[in-house]
Amino acid sequence: ADSSNHRVQVLREDGSFVRCFGSIGAGDGMFMVLDSVSVGGDGTIVSLDFDGRVQVFDPVGKFLRRVGSKGTGPGNFSQPLGVAVGAGGEILVADC
């Protein structure tokens, strides 16, 4: 997560640059202070940004969908702190 530049950077194990995606904004595939990124076993990329948006991308960074929204009910996030992808592809959001 490259928070200051509002993008996800993909790097090789040795740290060399592969690609990046995203830009500043509130639209699909855009970020407002990116907080957390996780990658699923199938390469799916899940991101969480400062305003509580959880977004799902394919392995090359193409936007697929948005998950959840601000709020306190089921599927809503009050103050999300991190995101992970479970072994079965579940999206796990740490919310306080």
C-alpha atoms as a PDB file:
ATOM      1  CA  ALA A   1       0.000   0.000   0.000  1.00  0.00           C
ATOM      2  CA  ASP A   2       1.497   3.303  -1.136  1.00  0.00           C
ATOM      3  CA  SER A   3      -0.736   5.580   0.963  1.00  0.00           C
ATOM      4  CA  SER A   4       0.814   8.930   0.109  1.00  0.00           C
ATOM      5  CA  ASN A   5       0.520   8.265  -3.621  1.00  0.00           C
ATOM      6  CA  HIS A   6      -2.949   6.660  -3.397  1.00  0.00           C
ATOM      7  CA  ARG A   7      -1.976   3.491  -5.232  1.00  0.00           C
ATOM      8  CA  VAL A   8      -0.995  -0.143  -4.850  1.00  0.00           C
ATOM      9  CA  GLN A   9       2.517  -1.038  -5.951  1.00  0.00           C
ATOM     10  CA  VAL A  10       3.333  -4.609  -6.931  1.00  0.00           C
ATOM     11  CA  LEU A  11       6.941  -5.624  -6.310  1.00  0.00           C
ATOM     12  CA  ARG A  12       8.938  -8.810  -6.873  1.00  0.00           C
ATOM     13  CA  GLU A  13      10.438 -10.657  -3.904  1.00  0.00           C
ATOM     14  CA  ASP A  14      13.718  -8.792  -4.492  1.00  0.00           C
ATOM     15  CA  GLY A  15      11.877  -5.443  -4.269  1.00  0.00           C
ATOM     16  CA  SER A  16      12.021  -4.589  -7.954  1.00  0.00           C
ATOM     17  CA  PHE A  17       8.998  -2.813  -9.415  1.00  0.00           C
ATOM     18  CA  VAL A  18       6.412  -4.787 -11.435  1.00  0.00           C
ATOM     19  CA  ARG A  19       3.432  -2.412 -11.775  1.00  0.00           C
ATOM     20  CA  CYS A  20       1.116  -0.102  -9.882  1.00  0.00           C
ATOM     21  CA  PHE A  21      -2.544   0.802 -10.046  1.00  0.00           C
ATOM     22  CA  GLY A  22      -4.912   3.332  -8.525  1.00  0.00           C
ATOM     23  CA  SER A  23      -5.045   7.095  -8.114  1.00  0.00           C
ATOM     24  CA  ILE A  24      -6.520   9.628  -5.713  1.00  0.00           C
ATOM     25  CA  GLY A  25     -10.298   9.820  -5.598  1.00  0.00           C
ATOM     26  CA  ALA A  26     -13.504   8.285  -4.323  1.00  0.00           C
ATOM     27  CA  GLY A  27     -14.476   6.387  -7.475  1.00  0.00           C
ATOM     28  CA  ASP A  28     -14.148   2.691  -8.186  1.00  0.00           C
ATOM     29  CA  GLY A  29     -10.492   1.682  -8.328  1.00  0.00           C
ATOM     30  CA  MET A  30      -9.393   4.941  -6.675  1.00  0.00           C
ATOM     31  CA  PHE A  31      -8.083   5.461  -3.140  1.00  0.00           C
ATOM     32  CA  MET A  32      -8.377   8.054  -0.400  1.00  0.00           C
ATOM     33  CA  VAL A  33      -5.352   7.243   1.806  1.00  0.00           C
ATOM     34  CA  LEU A  34      -4.856   3.528   1.304  1.00  0.00           C
ATOM     35  CA  ASP A  35      -4.629   1.715   4.669  1.00  0.00           C
ATOM     36  CA  SER A  36      -4.277  -1.990   3.986  1.00  0.00           C
ATOM     37  CA  VAL A  37      -3.855  -4.462   1.127  1.00  0.00           C
ATOM     38  CA  SER A  38      -4.120  -8.253   1.102  1.00  0.00           C
ATOM     39  CA  VAL A  39      -3.761 -10.847  -1.643  1.00  0.00           C
ATOM     40  CA  GLY A  40      -5.821 -14.042  -1.873  1.00  0.00           C
ATOM     41  CA  GLY A  41      -4.545 -17.438  -2.955  1.00  0.00           C
ATOM     42  CA  ASP A  42      -5.946 -16.854  -6.447  1.00  0.00           C
ATOM     43  CA  GLY A  43      -4.127 -13.512  -6.755  1.00  0.00           C
ATOM     44  CA  THR A  44      -7.206 -11.387  -6.031  1.00  0.00           C
ATOM     45  CA  ILE A  45      -6.185  -8.102  -4.375  1.00  0.00           C
ATOM     46  CA  VAL A  46      -8.324  -6.585  -1.613  1.00  0.00           C
ATOM     47  CA  SER A  47      -7.765  -3.039  -0.373  1.00  0.00           C
ATOM     48  CA  LEU A  48      -9.023  -0.901   2.492  1.00  0.00           C
ATOM     49  CA  ASP A  49      -8.722   2.864   2.473  1.00  0.00           C
ATOM     50  CA  PHE A  50      -9.168   5.585   5.077  1.00  0.00           C
ATOM     51  CA  ASP A  51     -12.846   6.201   4.367  1.00  0.00           C
ATOM     52  CA  GLY A  52     -13.698   2.543   5.032  1.00  0.00           C
ATOM     53  CA  ARG A  53     -14.022   1.401   1.436  1.00  0.00           C
ATOM     54  CA  VAL A  54     -13.107  -2.214   0.746  1.00  0.00           C
ATOM     55  CA  GLN A  55     -12.369  -2.812  -2.936  1.00  0.00           C
ATOM     56  CA  VAL A  56     -11.592  -6.040  -4.788  1.00  0.00           C
ATOM     57  CA  PHE A  57      -9.279  -6.203  -7.830  1.00  0.00           C
ATOM     58  CA  ASP A  58      -8.177  -8.967 -10.151  1.00  0.00           C
ATOM     59  CA  PRO A  59      -4.484 -10.047 -10.044  1.00  0.00           C
ATOM     60  CA  VAL A  60      -3.438  -7.307 -12.512  1.00  0.00           C
ATOM     61  CA  GLY A  61      -5.295  -4.502 -10.694  1.00  0.00           C
ATOM     62  CA  LYS A  62      -8.579  -4.281 -12.608  1.00  0.00           C
ATOM     63  CA  PHE A  63     -11.409  -3.156 -10.325  1.00  0.00           C
ATOM     64  CA  LEU A  64     -13.995  -5.901  -9.749  1.00  0.00           C
ATOM     65  CA  ARG A  65     -16.275  -4.731  -6.957  1.00  0.00           C
ATOM     66  CA  ARG A  66     -16.767  -2.807  -3.742  1.00  0.00           C
ATOM     67  CA  VAL A  67     -17.635  -4.618  -0.498  1.00  0.00           C
ATOM     68  CA  GLY A  68     -19.515  -3.191   2.496  1.00  0.00           C
ATOM     69  CA  SER A  69     -20.032   0.433   3.451  1.00  0.00           C
ATOM     70  CA  LYS A  70     -19.823   2.829   6.411  1.00  0.00           C
ATOM     71  CA  GLY A  71     -22.212   2.026   9.235  1.00  0.00           C
ATOM     72  CA  THR A  72     -22.822  -0.235  12.202  1.00  0.00           C
ATOM     73  CA  GLY A  73     -24.983  -3.062  10.793  1.00  0.00           C
ATOM     74  CA  PRO A  74     -23.979  -6.391   9.253  1.00  0.00           C
ATOM     75  CA  GLY A  75     -21.653  -5.804   6.304  1.00  0.00           C
ATOM     76  CA  ASN A  76     -20.977  -2.226   7.459  1.00  0.00           C
ATOM     77  CA  PHE A  77     -17.733  -0.873   8.875  1.00  0.00           C
ATOM     78  CA  SER A  78     -17.472   1.709  11.635  1.00  0.00           C
ATOM     79  CA  GLN A  79     -13.700   2.164  11.958  1.00  0.00           C
ATOM     80  CA  PRO A  80     -11.965  -0.492   9.839  1.00  0.00           C
ATOM     81  CA  LEU A  81      -8.284  -0.962  10.617  1.00  0.00           C
ATOM     82  CA  GLY A  82      -7.124  -3.763   8.357  1.00  0.00           C
ATOM     83  CA  VAL A  83      -8.125  -6.285   5.726  1.00  0.00           C
ATOM     84  CA  ALA A  84      -7.076  -9.870   4.965  1.00  0.00           C
ATOM     85  CA  VAL A  85      -8.172 -12.682   2.677  1.00  0.00           C
ATOM     86  CA  GLY A  86      -9.010 -16.044   4.245  1.00  0.00           C
ATOM     87  CA  ALA A  87      -7.998 -19.462   2.932  1.00  0.00           C
ATOM     88  CA  GLY A  88     -11.414 -19.873   1.295  1.00  0.00           C
ATOM     89  CA  GLY A  89     -11.373 -16.402  -0.279  1.00  0.00           C
ATOM     90  CA  GLU A  90     -13.354 -14.755   2.525  1.00  0.00           C
ATOM     91  CA  ILE A  91     -12.684 -11.055   3.034  1.00  0.00           C
ATOM     92  CA  LEU A  92     -11.826 -10.365   6.669  1.00  0.00           C
ATOM     93  CA  VAL A  93     -12.092  -6.789   7.955  1.00  0.00           C
ATOM     94  CA  ALA A  94     -10.808  -5.711  11.380  1.00  0.00           C
ATOM     95  CA  ASP A  95     -13.355  -3.164  12.595  1.00  0.00           C
ATOM     96  CA  CYS A  96     -13.503  -1.469  15.985  1.00  0.00           C
END
